PDB file of N, CA and C in Angstrom:
ATOM      1  N   MET A   1      -1.316   0.779  14.618  1.00  0.00           N
ATOM      2  CA  MET A   1      -0.464  -0.030  15.626  1.00  0.00           C
ATOM      3  C   MET A   1      -1.099  -0.605  16.598  1.00  0.00           C
ATOM      4  N   ASP A   2      -2.252  -0.846  16.534  1.00  0.00           N
ATOM      5  CA  ASP A   2      -3.119  -1.636  17.547  1.00  0.00           C
ATOM      6  C   ASP A   2      -3.030  -3.445  16.998  1.00  0.00           C
ATOM      7  N   GLY A   3      -2.274  -3.611  16.174  1.00  0.00           N
ATOM      8  CA  GLY A   3      -2.297  -5.172  15.505  1.00  0.00           C
ATOM      9  C   GLY A   3      -3.004  -5.815  14.621  1.00  0.00           C
ATOM     10  N   SER A   4      -4.163  -4.438  14.032  1.00  0.00           N
ATOM     11  CA  SER A   4      -4.732  -4.980  13.075  1.00  0.00           C
ATOM     12  C   SER A   4      -3.773  -4.460  11.952  1.00  0.00           C
ATOM     13  N   ALA A   5      -4.505  -5.424  10.299  1.00  0.00           N
ATOM     14  CA  ALA A   5      -3.911  -4.882   9.161  1.00  0.00           C
ATOM     15  C   ALA A   5      -4.848  -4.248   8.176  1.00  0.00           C
ATOM     16  N   LEU A   6      -4.779  -3.539   7.297  1.00  0.00           N
ATOM     17  CA  LEU A   6      -5.402  -3.021   5.904  1.00  0.00           C
ATOM     18  C   LEU A   6      -5.339  -3.652   4.989  1.00  0.00           C
ATOM     19  N   PRO A   7      -6.428  -4.342   4.478  1.00  0.00           N
ATOM     20  CA  PRO A   7      -6.302  -5.026   3.099  1.00  0.00           C
ATOM     21  C   PRO A   7      -5.475  -4.165   1.983  1.00  0.00           C
ATOM     22  N   PRO A   8      -4.379  -5.063   1.117  1.00  0.00           N
ATOM     23  CA  PRO A   8      -3.425  -4.311   0.533  1.00  0.00           C
ATOM     24  C   PRO A   8      -4.105  -3.860  -1.104  1.00  0.00           C
ATOM     25  N   LEU A   9      -3.895  -3.091  -1.653  1.00  0.00           N
ATOM     26  CA  LEU A   9      -4.071  -2.674  -2.756  1.00  0.00           C
ATOM     27  C   LEU A   9      -2.837  -3.742  -4.049  1.00  0.00           C
ATOM     28  N   VAL A  10      -3.285  -4.601  -4.578  1.00  0.00           N
ATOM     29  CA  VAL A  10      -2.420  -5.865  -5.377  1.00  0.00           C
ATOM     30  C   VAL A  10      -2.376  -4.936  -6.419  1.00  0.00           C
ATOM     31  N   ILE A  11      -1.208  -4.630  -7.217  1.00  0.00           N
ATOM     32  CA  ILE A  11      -0.857  -4.468  -8.564  1.00  0.00           C
ATOM     33  C   ILE A  11       0.069  -5.242  -9.491  1.00  0.00           C
ATOM     34  N   PHE A  12      -0.614  -5.665 -10.336  1.00  0.00           N
ATOM     35  CA  PHE A  12      -0.122  -6.525 -11.246  1.00  0.00           C
ATOM     36  C   PHE A  12       0.683  -6.211 -12.212  1.00  0.00           C
ATOM     37  N   LYS A  13       1.673  -6.666 -13.164  1.00  0.00           N
ATOM     38  CA  LYS A  13       2.088  -5.884 -14.657  1.00  0.00           C
ATOM     39  C   LYS A  13       1.527  -6.534 -15.475  1.00  0.00           C
ATOM     40  N   GLY A  14       0.845  -5.810 -16.367  1.00  0.00           N
ATOM     41  CA  GLY A  14       0.176  -6.111 -17.575  1.00  0.00           C
ATOM     42  C   GLY A  14      -0.650  -4.950 -17.833  1.00  0.00           C
ATOM     43  N   LYS A  15      -1.055  -5.448 -18.853  1.00  0.00           N
ATOM     44  CA  LYS A  15      -2.351  -4.447 -19.637  1.00  0.00           C
ATOM     45  C   LYS A  15      -3.626  -4.682 -18.957  1.00  0.00           C
ATOM     46  N   THR A  16      -4.083  -5.820 -18.808  1.00  0.00           N
ATOM     47  CA  THR A  16      -5.404  -5.933 -18.456  1.00  0.00           C
ATOM     48  C   THR A  16      -5.327  -7.034 -17.133  1.00  0.00           C
ATOM     49  N   LEU A  17      -6.231  -6.791 -16.358  1.00  0.00           N
ATOM     50  CA  LEU A  17      -6.450  -8.015 -15.102  1.00  0.00           C
ATOM     51  C   LEU A  17      -6.941  -9.008 -15.621  1.00  0.00           C
ATOM     52  N   SER A  18      -6.347 -10.256 -15.494  1.00  0.00           N
ATOM     53  CA  SER A  18      -6.883 -11.571 -15.371  1.00  0.00           C
ATOM     54  C   SER A  18      -7.321 -12.185 -14.132  1.00  0.00           C
ATOM     55  N   ARG A  19      -8.660 -12.700 -14.663  1.00  0.00           N
ATOM     56  CA  ARG A  19      -9.492 -13.005 -13.259  1.00  0.00           C
ATOM     57  C   ARG A  19      -8.766 -14.503 -13.038  1.00  0.00           C
ATOM     58  N   ALA A  20      -7.541 -14.942 -13.796  1.00  0.00           N
ATOM     59  CA  ALA A  20      -6.575 -16.243 -13.392  1.00  0.00           C
ATOM     60  C   ALA A  20      -5.583 -15.720 -12.397  1.00  0.00           C
ATOM     61  N   TRP A  21      -5.171 -14.597 -12.402  1.00  0.00           N
ATOM     62  CA  TRP A  21      -4.425 -13.939 -10.956  1.00  0.00           C
ATOM     63  C   TRP A  21      -5.221 -13.793  -9.785  1.00  0.00           C
ATOM     64  N   LEU A  22      -6.611 -13.777  -9.514  1.00  0.00           N
ATOM     65  CA  LEU A  22      -6.788 -13.463  -8.304  1.00  0.00           C
ATOM     66  C   LEU A  22      -7.810 -14.930  -8.048  1.00  0.00           C
ATOM     67  N   PRO A  23      -7.488 -14.696  -6.391  1.00  0.00           N
ATOM     68  CA  PRO A  23      -8.022 -15.901  -5.883  1.00  0.00           C
ATOM     69  C   PRO A  23      -9.235 -16.306  -6.302  1.00  0.00           C
ATOM     70  N   THR A  24      -9.770 -17.268  -5.987  1.00  0.00           N
ATOM     71  CA  THR A  24     -11.150 -17.778  -6.556  1.00  0.00           C
ATOM     72  C   THR A  24     -12.342 -17.132  -5.562  1.00  0.00           C
ATOM     73  N   SER A  25     -11.802 -17.399  -4.134  1.00  0.00           N
ATOM     74  CA  SER A  25     -12.483 -16.494  -3.140  1.00  0.00           C
ATOM     75  C   SER A  25     -11.962 -15.571  -2.945  1.00  0.00           C
ATOM     76  N   PRO A  26     -13.311 -14.400  -3.069  1.00  0.00           N
ATOM     77  CA  PRO A  26     -12.266 -13.039  -2.738  1.00  0.00           C
ATOM     78  C   PRO A  26     -12.160 -12.789  -0.871  1.00  0.00           C
ATOM     79  N   LEU A  27     -10.987 -12.042  -0.927  1.00  0.00           N
ATOM     80  CA  LEU A  27     -10.315 -11.761   0.103  1.00  0.00           C
ATOM     81  C   LEU A  27     -10.984 -10.534   0.638  1.00  0.00           C
ATOM     82  N   ASN A  28     -11.534 -10.494   1.826  1.00  0.00           N
ATOM     83  CA  ASN A  28     -12.228  -9.241   2.249  1.00  0.00           C
ATOM     84  C   ASN A  28     -11.604  -7.961   1.963  1.00  0.00           C
ATOM     85  N   GLY A  29     -11.876  -6.843   1.460  1.00  0.00           N
ATOM     86  CA  GLY A  29     -11.317  -5.761   1.053  1.00  0.00           C
ATOM     87  C   GLY A  29     -10.199  -5.660   0.506  1.00  0.00           C
ATOM     88  N   TRP A  30      -9.618  -6.608  -0.242  1.00  0.00           N
ATOM     89  CA  TRP A  30      -8.732  -6.416  -1.095  1.00  0.00           C
ATOM     90  C   TRP A  30      -8.799  -5.828  -2.237  1.00  0.00           C
ATOM     91  N   MET A  31      -7.939  -4.949  -2.799  1.00  0.00           N
ATOM     92  CA  MET A  31      -8.493  -4.549  -4.155  1.00  0.00           C
ATOM     93  C   MET A  31      -7.235  -4.749  -5.012  1.00  0.00           C
ATOM     94  N   TYR A  32      -7.378  -5.019  -6.279  1.00  0.00           N
ATOM     95  CA  TYR A  32      -6.533  -5.500  -7.514  1.00  0.00           C
ATOM     96  C   TYR A  32      -6.432  -4.613  -8.338  1.00  0.00           C
ATOM     97  N   SER A  33      -5.763  -4.136  -9.199  1.00  0.00           N
ATOM     98  CA  SER A  33      -5.367  -3.372 -10.296  1.00  0.00           C
ATOM     99  C   SER A  33      -4.105  -3.565 -10.872  1.00  0.00           C
ATOM    100  N   VAL A  34      -3.857  -3.201 -11.941  1.00  0.00           N
ATOM    101  CA  VAL A  34      -2.976  -3.371 -13.308  1.00  0.00           C
ATOM    102  C   VAL A  34      -2.465  -2.202 -14.072  1.00  0.00           C
ATOM    103  N   ASN A  35      -1.271  -2.377 -14.151  1.00  0.00           N
ATOM    104  CA  ASN A  35      -0.607  -1.294 -14.828  1.00  0.00           C
ATOM    105  C   ASN A  35       0.874  -1.912 -15.575  1.00  0.00           C
ATOM    106  N   THR A  36       0.732  -1.100 -16.353  1.00  0.00           N
ATOM    107  CA  THR A  36       2.053  -2.055 -17.442  1.00  0.00           C
ATOM    108  C   THR A  36       3.569  -1.959 -16.568  1.00  0.00           C
ATOM    109  N   GLN A  37       3.909  -0.991 -15.625  1.00  0.00           N
ATOM    110  CA  GLN A  37       5.008  -0.982 -14.746  1.00  0.00           C
ATOM    111  C   GLN A  37       5.085  -1.838 -13.692  1.00  0.00           C
ATOM    112  N   GLY A  38       3.722  -2.284 -13.187  1.00  0.00           N
ATOM    113  CA  GLY A  38       3.908  -3.409 -12.204  1.00  0.00           C
ATOM    114  C   GLY A  38       4.073  -2.530 -10.665  1.00  0.00           C
ATOM    115  N   TRP A  39       4.118  -1.231 -10.749  1.00  0.00           N
ATOM    116  CA  TRP A  39       4.028  -0.950  -9.437  1.00  0.00           C
ATOM    117  C   TRP A  39       3.217   0.541  -9.188  1.00  0.00           C
ATOM    118  N   THR A  40       3.614   1.228  -8.063  1.00  0.00           N
ATOM    119  CA  THR A  40       2.598   2.212  -7.463  1.00  0.00           C
ATOM    120  C   THR A  40       3.061   3.275  -8.569  1.00  0.00           C
ATOM    121  N   SER A  41       1.849   4.133  -8.667  1.00  0.00           N
ATOM    122  CA  SER A  41       1.830   5.306  -9.320  1.00  0.00           C
ATOM    123  C   SER A  41       0.674   6.596  -8.449  1.00  0.00           C
ATOM    124  N   ASN A  42       0.807   7.879  -8.564  1.00  0.00           N
ATOM    125  CA  ASN A  42      -0.174   8.884  -8.247  1.00  0.00           C
ATOM    126  C   ASN A  42      -1.463   8.461  -8.289  1.00  0.00           C
ATOM    127  N   GLU A  43      -1.967   7.917  -9.252  1.00  0.00           N
ATOM    128  CA  GLU A  43      -3.812   7.085  -9.263  1.00  0.00           C
ATOM    129  C   GLU A  43      -3.556   6.041  -8.170  1.00  0.00           C
ATOM    130  N   TYR A  44      -2.736   5.500  -8.169  1.00  0.00           N
ATOM    131  CA  TYR A  44      -2.978   3.849  -7.387  1.00  0.00           C
ATOM    132  C   TYR A  44      -2.780   4.440  -5.579  1.00  0.00           C
ATOM    133  N   CYS A  45      -1.632   5.397  -5.395  1.00  0.00           N
ATOM    134  CA  CYS A  45      -1.708   6.189  -4.362  1.00  0.00           C
ATOM    135  C   CYS A  45      -2.705   6.993  -3.740  1.00  0.00           C
ATOM    136  N   LYS A  46      -3.598   7.502  -4.434  1.00  0.00           N
ATOM    137  CA  LYS A  46      -4.667   8.108  -4.235  1.00  0.00           C
ATOM    138  C   LYS A  46      -5.779   7.180  -3.789  1.00  0.00           C
ATOM    139  N   LYS A  47      -5.996   5.967  -4.928  1.00  0.00           N
ATOM    140  CA  LYS A  47      -7.072   4.945  -4.744  1.00  0.00           C
ATOM    141  C   LYS A  47      -7.104   4.464  -3.367  1.00  0.00           C
ATOM    142  N   TRP A  48      -5.661   4.116  -2.990  1.00  0.00           N
ATOM    143  CA  TRP A  48      -5.517   3.236  -1.944  1.00  0.00           C
ATOM    144  C   TRP A  48      -5.718   4.126  -0.289  1.00  0.00           C
ATOM    145  N   ILE A  49      -5.518   5.317  -0.564  1.00  0.00           N
ATOM    146  CA  ILE A  49      -5.308   5.933   0.881  1.00  0.00           C
ATOM    147  C   ILE A  49      -7.265   6.749   0.696  1.00  0.00           C
ATOM    148  N   THR A  50      -7.563   7.085  -0.285  1.00  0.00           N
ATOM    149  CA  THR A  50      -8.904   7.214  -0.207  1.00  0.00           C
ATOM    150  C   THR A  50      -9.990   6.245   0.146  1.00  0.00           C
ATOM    151  N   GLN A  51      -9.602   4.995  -0.446  1.00  0.00           N
ATOM    152  CA  GLN A  51     -10.683   3.864  -0.735  1.00  0.00           C
ATOM    153  C   GLN A  51     -10.251   3.003   0.432  1.00  0.00           C
ATOM    154  N   ASN A  52      -9.203   2.708   0.770  1.00  0.00           N
ATOM    155  CA  ASN A  52      -8.812   1.646   1.972  1.00  0.00           C
ATOM    156  C   ASN A  52      -8.292   2.546   2.795  1.00  0.00           C
ATOM    157  N   PHE A  53      -7.818   3.145   3.250  1.00  0.00           N
ATOM    158  CA  PHE A  53      -6.713   3.903   4.478  1.00  0.00           C
ATOM    159  C   PHE A  53      -7.942   4.300   5.266  1.00  0.00           C
ATOM    160  N   LYS A  54      -8.541   5.147   4.587  1.00  0.00           N
ATOM    161  CA  LYS A  54      -9.223   6.560   4.982  1.00  0.00           C
ATOM    162  C   LYS A  54     -10.483   5.374   5.742  1.00  0.00           C
ATOM    163  N   PRO A  55     -11.327   5.032   4.813  1.00  0.00           N
ATOM    164  CA  PRO A  55     -12.361   4.067   5.412  1.00  0.00           C
ATOM    165  C   PRO A  55     -12.211   3.165   6.619  1.00  0.00           C
ATOM    166  N   ASN A  56     -11.181   2.369   6.298  1.00  0.00           N
ATOM    167  CA  ASN A  56     -10.321   1.428   7.356  1.00  0.00           C
ATOM    168  C   ASN A  56      -9.853   1.530   8.718  1.00  0.00           C
ATOM    169  N   THR A  57      -9.740   3.385   8.877  1.00  0.00           N
ATOM    170  CA  THR A  57      -9.225   3.776   9.727  1.00  0.00           C
ATOM    171  C   THR A  57      -9.798   4.731  10.602  1.00  0.00           C
ATOM    172  N   ARG A  58     -10.567   5.360   9.769  1.00  0.00           N
ATOM    173  CA  ARG A  58     -11.121   6.618  10.463  1.00  0.00           C
ATOM    174  C   ARG A  58     -12.402   6.070  11.826  1.00  0.00           C
ATOM    175  N   ALA A  59     -12.859   5.257  11.392  1.00  0.00           N
ATOM    176  CA  ALA A  59     -13.484   4.867  12.989  1.00  0.00           C
ATOM    177  C   ALA A  59     -12.630   4.628  14.272  1.00  0.00           C
ATOM    178  N   LYS A  60     -11.483   3.463  14.225  1.00  0.00           N
ATOM    179  CA  LYS A  60     -10.646   3.471  15.176  1.00  0.00           C
ATOM    180  C   LYS A  60     -10.081   4.652  15.730  1.00  0.00           C
ATOM    181  N   ALA A  61      -9.607   5.664  14.567  1.00  0.00           N
ATOM    182  CA  ALA A  61      -9.108   7.149  15.060  1.00  0.00           C
ATOM    183  C   ALA A  61     -10.151   7.754  16.076  1.00  0.00           C
ATOM    184  N   ASP A  62     -11.050   7.826  15.592  1.00  0.00           N
ATOM    185  CA  ASP A  62     -12.261   8.281  16.974  1.00  0.00           C
ATOM    186  C   ASP A  62     -11.903  10.154  16.752  1.00  0.00           C
ATOM    187  N   GLY A  63     -11.688  10.517  15.720  1.00  0.00           N
ATOM    188  CA  GLY A  63     -11.268  11.931  15.747  1.00  0.00           C
ATOM    189  C   GLY A  63     -10.031  12.154  16.108  1.00  0.00           C
ATOM    190  N   ARG A  64      -9.237  11.345  16.070  1.00  0.00           N
ATOM    191  CA  ARG A  64      -7.799  11.172  16.581  1.00  0.00           C
ATOM    192  C   ARG A  64      -6.852  11.546  15.547  1.00  0.00           C
ATOM    193  N   PRO A  65      -5.843  12.157  15.008  1.00  0.00           N
ATOM    194  CA  PRO A  65      -5.000  12.095  14.340  1.00  0.00           C
ATOM    195  C   PRO A  65      -4.318  10.528  14.018  1.00  0.00           C
ATOM    196  N   ARG A  66      -4.146  10.297  12.639  1.00  0.00           N
ATOM    197  CA  ARG A  66      -3.460   9.500  12.373  1.00  0.00           C
ATOM    198  C   ARG A  66      -2.097   9.284  11.772  1.00  0.00           C
ATOM    199  N   LEU A  67      -1.396   8.494  11.950  1.00  0.00           N
ATOM    200  CA  LEU A  67       0.059   8.337  11.115  1.00  0.00           C
ATOM    201  C   LEU A  67       0.262   7.459  10.002  1.00  0.00           C
ATOM    202  N   LEU A  68       0.632   7.960   9.014  1.00  0.00           N
ATOM    203  CA  LEU A  68       0.978   7.023   7.897  1.00  0.00           C
ATOM    204  C   LEU A  68       2.613   7.032   7.639  1.00  0.00           C
ATOM    205  N   ILE A  69       3.008   6.101   7.510  1.00  0.00           N
ATOM    206  CA  ILE A  69       4.323   6.236   7.281  1.00  0.00           C
ATOM    207  C   ILE A  69       4.429   5.727   5.733  1.00  0.00           C
ATOM    208  N   PHE A  70       5.463   6.507   5.136  1.00  0.00           N
ATOM    209  CA  PHE A  70       5.385   6.185   3.528  1.00  0.00           C
ATOM    210  C   PHE A  70       7.046   6.026   3.394  1.00  0.00           C
ATOM    211  N   ASP A  71       6.998   5.239   2.290  1.00  0.00           N
ATOM    212  CA  ASP A  71       8.889   5.369   1.851  1.00  0.00           C
ATOM    213  C   ASP A  71       9.543   6.475   1.019  1.00  0.00           C
ATOM    214  N   GLY A  72       8.685   7.215   0.996  1.00  0.00           N
ATOM    215  CA  GLY A  72       9.074   8.742   0.062  1.00  0.00           C
ATOM    216  C   GLY A  72       8.994   8.471  -1.159  1.00  0.00           C
ATOM    217  N   HIS A  73       8.028   7.459  -2.187  1.00  0.00           N
ATOM    218  CA  HIS A  73       8.107   7.578  -3.476  1.00  0.00           C
ATOM    219  C   HIS A  73       7.430   8.800  -3.569  1.00  0.00           C
ATOM    220  N   GLY A  74       7.328   9.492  -5.103  1.00  0.00           N
ATOM    221  CA  GLY A  74       6.920  10.315  -5.576  1.00  0.00           C
ATOM    222  C   GLY A  74       5.447  10.314  -5.357  1.00  0.00           C
ATOM    223  N   SER A  75       5.132   9.580  -5.658  1.00  0.00           N
ATOM    224  CA  SER A  75       3.310   9.264  -5.579  1.00  0.00           C
ATOM    225  C   SER A  75       2.810   9.679  -4.319  1.00  0.00           C
ATOM    226  N   HIS A  76       3.361   9.466  -2.927  1.00  0.00           N
ATOM    227  CA  HIS A  76       3.219   9.655  -2.047  1.00  0.00           C
ATOM    228  C   HIS A  76       2.927  10.455  -1.365  1.00  0.00           C
ATOM    229  N   THR A  77       3.602  11.836  -2.197  1.00  0.00           N
ATOM    230  CA  THR A  77       3.655  13.534  -1.608  1.00  0.00           C
ATOM    231  C   THR A  77       3.047  14.423  -2.968  1.00  0.00           C
ATOM    232  N   THR A  78       2.399  13.788  -3.517  1.00  0.00           N
ATOM    233  CA  THR A  78       1.639  14.580  -4.611  1.00  0.00           C
ATOM    234  C   THR A  78       0.588  15.518  -3.728  1.00  0.00           C
ATOM    235  N   PRO A  79       0.105  16.704  -4.687  1.00  0.00           N
ATOM    236  CA  PRO A  79      -0.368  17.720  -3.874  1.00  0.00           C
ATOM    237  C   PRO A  79      -2.151  16.796  -3.485  1.00  0.00           C
ATOM    238  N   ASP A  80      -2.194  16.167  -4.169  1.00  0.00           N
ATOM    239  CA  ASP A  80      -3.567  15.408  -4.185  1.00  0.00           C
ATOM    240  C   ASP A  80      -3.615  14.787  -2.390  1.00  0.00           C
ATOM    241  N   ILE A  81      -2.320  13.725  -2.337  1.00  0.00           N
ATOM    242  CA  ILE A  81      -2.422  12.982  -1.454  1.00  0.00           C
ATOM    243  C   ILE A  81      -2.003  14.138  -0.499  1.00  0.00           C
ATOM    244  N   LEU A  82      -1.400  14.966  -0.214  1.00  0.00           N
ATOM    245  CA  LEU A  82      -1.299  16.050   0.675  1.00  0.00           C
ATOM    246  C   LEU A  82      -2.234  16.676   1.332  1.00  0.00           C
ATOM    247  N   ALA A  83      -3.097  17.343   0.211  1.00  0.00           N
ATOM    248  CA  ALA A  83      -4.495  18.102   0.349  1.00  0.00           C
ATOM    249  C   ALA A  83      -5.256  16.593   1.494  1.00  0.00           C
ATOM    250  N   HIS A  84      -5.100  15.737   0.958  1.00  0.00           N
ATOM    251  CA  HIS A  84      -6.271  14.954   1.466  1.00  0.00           C
ATOM    252  C   HIS A  84      -5.731  14.563   3.029  1.00  0.00           C
ATOM    253  N   CYS A  85      -4.558  14.034   3.465  1.00  0.00           N
ATOM    254  CA  CYS A  85      -3.915  13.915   4.676  1.00  0.00           C
ATOM    255  C   CYS A  85      -4.376  15.081   5.266  1.00  0.00           C
ATOM    256  N   LEU A  86      -3.935  16.658   4.989  1.00  0.00           N
ATOM    257  CA  LEU A  86      -4.468  17.801   5.547  1.00  0.00           C
ATOM    258  C   LEU A  86      -5.793  17.611   6.599  1.00  0.00           C
ATOM    259  N   ALA A  87      -6.828  17.294   5.234  1.00  0.00           N
ATOM    260  CA  ALA A  87      -8.117  17.498   5.358  1.00  0.00           C
ATOM    261  C   ALA A  87      -8.544  16.248   6.176  1.00  0.00           C
ATOM    262  N   ASN A  88      -8.259  15.273   6.267  1.00  0.00           N
ATOM    263  CA  ASN A  88      -8.431  14.037   7.056  1.00  0.00           C
ATOM    264  C   ASN A  88      -7.619  13.476   8.565  1.00  0.00           C
ATOM    265  N   GLN A  89      -6.939  14.770   9.013  1.00  0.00           N
ATOM    266  CA  GLN A  89      -5.666  14.663   9.985  1.00  0.00           C
ATOM    267  C   GLN A  89      -5.070  13.369   9.767  1.00  0.00           C
ATOM    268  N   VAL A  90      -4.639  12.891   8.839  1.00  0.00           N
ATOM    269  CA  VAL A  90      -3.372  11.994   8.821  1.00  0.00           C
ATOM    270  C   VAL A  90      -2.033  12.752   8.572  1.00  0.00           C
ATOM    271  N   HIS A  91      -1.092  12.408   9.483  1.00  0.00           N
ATOM    272  CA  HIS A  91      -0.084  12.549   9.616  1.00  0.00           C
ATOM    273  C   HIS A  91       1.256  12.141   8.815  1.00  0.00           C
ATOM    274  N   LEU A  92       1.718  12.409   8.015  1.00  0.00           N
ATOM    275  CA  LEU A  92       2.651  11.809   7.329  1.00  0.00           C
ATOM    276  C   LEU A  92       4.246  11.706   8.120  1.00  0.00           C
ATOM    277  N   ALA A  93       4.580  10.566   7.811  1.00  0.00           N
ATOM    278  CA  ALA A  93       6.310  10.232   7.983  1.00  0.00           C
ATOM    279  C   ALA A  93       7.120  10.140   6.892  1.00  0.00           C
ATOM    280  N   LEU A  94       7.873  10.329   6.050  1.00  0.00           N
ATOM    281  CA  LEU A  94       8.549   9.723   4.843  1.00  0.00           C
ATOM    282  C   LEU A  94       9.802   9.623   5.530  1.00  0.00           C
ATOM    283  N   LEU A  95      10.233   8.109   5.312  1.00  0.00           N
ATOM    284  CA  LEU A  95      11.391   7.330   5.337  1.00  0.00           C
ATOM    285  C   LEU A  95      12.381   7.889   4.582  1.00  0.00           C
ATOM    286  N   PRO A  96      13.691   8.338   4.988  1.00  0.00           N
ATOM    287  CA  PRO A  96      14.926   8.858   4.423  1.00  0.00           C
ATOM    288  C   PRO A  96      15.107   7.955   3.110  1.00  0.00           C
ATOM    289  N   PRO A  97      15.350   8.544   1.835  1.00  0.00           N
ATOM    290  CA  PRO A  97      15.734   7.769   0.477  1.00  0.00           C
ATOM    291  C   PRO A  97      16.675   6.911   0.678  1.00  0.00           C
ATOM    292  N   HIS A  98      16.708   5.930  -0.373  1.00  0.00           N
ATOM    293  CA  HIS A  98      17.471   5.067  -0.326  1.00  0.00           C
ATOM    294  C   HIS A  98      18.079   4.016   1.067  1.00  0.00           C
ATOM    295  N   THR A  99      17.028   3.955   1.966  1.00  0.00           N
ATOM    296  CA  THR A  99      17.396   3.472   3.113  1.00  0.00           C
ATOM    297  C   THR A  99      16.266   2.315   3.776  1.00  0.00           C
ATOM    298  N   SER A 100      15.293   2.098   2.708  1.00  0.00           N
ATOM    299  CA  SER A 100      14.281   1.098   2.779  1.00  0.00           C
ATOM    300  C   SER A 100      14.663  -0.160   3.336  1.00  0.00           C
ATOM    301  N   TYR A 101      15.975  -0.592   2.917  1.00  0.00           N
ATOM    302  CA  TYR A 101      16.592  -1.983   3.455  1.00  0.00           C
ATOM    303  C   TYR A 101      17.065  -1.975   5.014  1.00  0.00           C
ATOM    304  N   LEU A 102      16.667  -0.620   5.617  1.00  0.00           N
ATOM    305  CA  LEU A 102      17.392  -0.820   6.932  1.00  0.00           C
ATOM    306  C   LEU A 102      15.856  -0.082   7.559  1.00  0.00           C
ATOM    307  N   THR A 103      14.769   0.835   7.333  1.00  0.00           N
ATOM    308  CA  THR A 103      13.798   1.469   7.945  1.00  0.00           C
ATOM    309  C   THR A 103      12.659   0.437   7.625  1.00  0.00           C
ATOM    310  N   GLN A 104      12.423  -0.163   6.695  1.00  0.00           N
ATOM    311  CA  GLN A 104      11.179  -0.961   6.296  1.00  0.00           C
ATOM    312  C   GLN A 104      11.536  -2.600   7.242  1.00  0.00           C
ATOM    313  N   PRO A 105      11.201  -2.851   7.945  1.00  0.00           N
ATOM    314  CA  PRO A 105      11.247  -4.256   8.582  1.00  0.00           C
ATOM    315  C   PRO A 105      10.456  -5.087   7.951  1.00  0.00           C
ATOM    316  N   LEU A 106       9.593  -4.834   7.278  1.00  0.00           N
ATOM    317  CA  LEU A 106       8.776  -5.979   6.336  1.00  0.00           C
ATOM    318  C   LEU A 106       9.557  -6.389   5.261  1.00  0.00           C
ATOM    319  N   ASP A 107      10.322  -5.481   4.670  1.00  0.00           N
ATOM    320  CA  ASP A 107      11.032  -5.698   3.738  1.00  0.00           C
ATOM    321  C   ASP A 107      12.063  -6.997   3.846  1.00  0.00           C
ATOM    322  N   ILE A 108      12.515  -6.645   5.155  1.00  0.00           N
ATOM    323  CA  ILE A 108      13.957  -7.872   5.532  1.00  0.00           C
ATOM    324  C   ILE A 108      12.982  -8.991   5.981  1.00  0.00           C
ATOM    325  N   GLY A 109      12.122  -9.223   7.124  1.00  0.00           N
ATOM    326  CA  GLY A 109      11.459 -10.084   8.059  1.00  0.00           C
ATOM    327  C   GLY A 109      10.570 -10.648   7.592  1.00  0.00           C
ATOM    328  N   ILE A 110       9.611 -10.027   6.460  1.00  0.00           N
ATOM    329  CA  ILE A 110       8.339 -10.883   5.682  1.00  0.00           C
ATOM    330  C   ILE A 110       8.772 -11.079   4.062  1.00  0.00           C
ATOM    331  N   PHE A 111       9.058 -10.033   3.734  1.00  0.00           N
ATOM    332  CA  PHE A 111       8.792  -9.854   2.074  1.00  0.00           C
ATOM    333  C   PHE A 111      10.221 -10.577   1.652  1.00  0.00           C
ATOM    334  N   SER A 112      11.341 -10.465   2.345  1.00  0.00           N
ATOM    335  CA  SER A 112      12.209 -11.127   1.638  1.00  0.00           C
ATOM    336  C   SER A 112      12.268 -12.680   1.413  1.00  0.00           C
ATOM    337  N   ALA A 113      11.676 -13.389   2.511  1.00  0.00           N
ATOM    338  CA  ALA A 113      11.582 -15.070   2.973  1.00  0.00           C
ATOM    339  C   ALA A 113      10.292 -14.831   1.751  1.00  0.00           C
ATOM    340  N   LEU A 114       9.133 -14.199   1.141  1.00  0.00           N
ATOM    341  CA  LEU A 114       8.052 -14.297   0.472  1.00  0.00           C
ATOM    342  C   LEU A 114       8.677 -14.286  -0.847  1.00  0.00           C
ATOM    343  N   LYS A 115       9.446 -13.331  -1.161  1.00  0.00           N
ATOM    344  CA  LYS A 115      10.167 -13.267  -2.417  1.00  0.00           C
ATOM    345  C   LYS A 115      10.709 -14.497  -2.937  1.00  0.00           C
ATOM    346  N   LYS A 116      11.781 -15.100  -1.899  1.00  0.00           N
ATOM    347  CA  LYS A 116      12.629 -16.196  -2.122  1.00  0.00           C
ATOM    348  C   LYS A 116      11.673 -17.309  -2.253  1.00  0.00           C
ATOM    349  N   HIS A 117      10.763 -17.693  -1.564  1.00  0.00           N
ATOM    350  CA  HIS A 117       9.747 -18.660  -1.715  1.00  0.00           C
ATOM    351  C   HIS A 117       9.178 -18.525  -2.946  1.00  0.00           C
ATOM    352  N   MET A 118       8.544 -17.617  -3.364  1.00  0.00           N
ATOM    353  CA  MET A 118       7.801 -17.292  -4.696  1.00  0.00           C
ATOM    354  C   MET A 118       8.556 -17.780  -5.791  1.00  0.00           C
ATOM    355  N   THR A 119       9.999 -16.924  -5.790  1.00  0.00           N
ATOM    356  CA  THR A 119      10.765 -17.303  -6.659  1.00  0.00           C
ATOM    357  C   THR A 119      11.129 -18.874  -6.981  1.00  0.00           C
ATOM    358  N   CYS A 120      11.192 -19.622  -6.329  1.00  0.00           N
ATOM    359  CA  CYS A 120      11.381 -21.085  -5.676  1.00  0.00           C
ATOM    360  C   CYS A 120      10.213 -21.681  -6.595  1.00  0.00           C
ATOM    361  N   GLU A 121       9.108 -21.182  -6.054  1.00  0.00           N
ATOM    362  CA  GLU A 121       7.951 -21.823  -6.898  1.00  0.00           C
ATOM    363  C   GLU A 121       7.948 -21.485  -8.368  1.00  0.00           C
ATOM    364  N   LEU A 122       8.448 -20.466  -8.502  1.00  0.00           N
ATOM    365  CA  LEU A 122       7.823 -19.600  -9.999  1.00  0.00           C
ATOM    366  C   LEU A 122       9.196 -20.753 -11.077  1.00  0.00           C
ATOM    367  N   ASP A 123      10.242 -20.960 -10.283  1.00  0.00           N
ATOM    368  CA  ASP A 123      11.452 -21.425 -10.828  1.00  0.00           C
ATOM    369  C   ASP A 123      10.556 -23.146 -11.265  1.00  0.00           C
TER     370      ASP A 123
END
């Protein structure tokens, strides 16, 4: 909530990651992966929280607890994730199920416009 943003983990749908999908100039800290479903899983959530969230927020927290807001997807509440959060002073806030269209303003304010424009370009 300090105005900074964390680099994302971009998950492409497929079996192998194609270099053609990636930017020619690597974006600082962005992580890329692929799976056949094209969405997150227990493995990807653990990778993101340990290799991205933890190192990119630890120094700013300066020993204070951090808040991480999740949408309640099952991969966000595995025993591994919960143990990691407890051990690293990360407080989880889970949004109520089936309310993301109201409780996740990025879905409406940013990602809906992005999806619209991407669809137009792809069409």
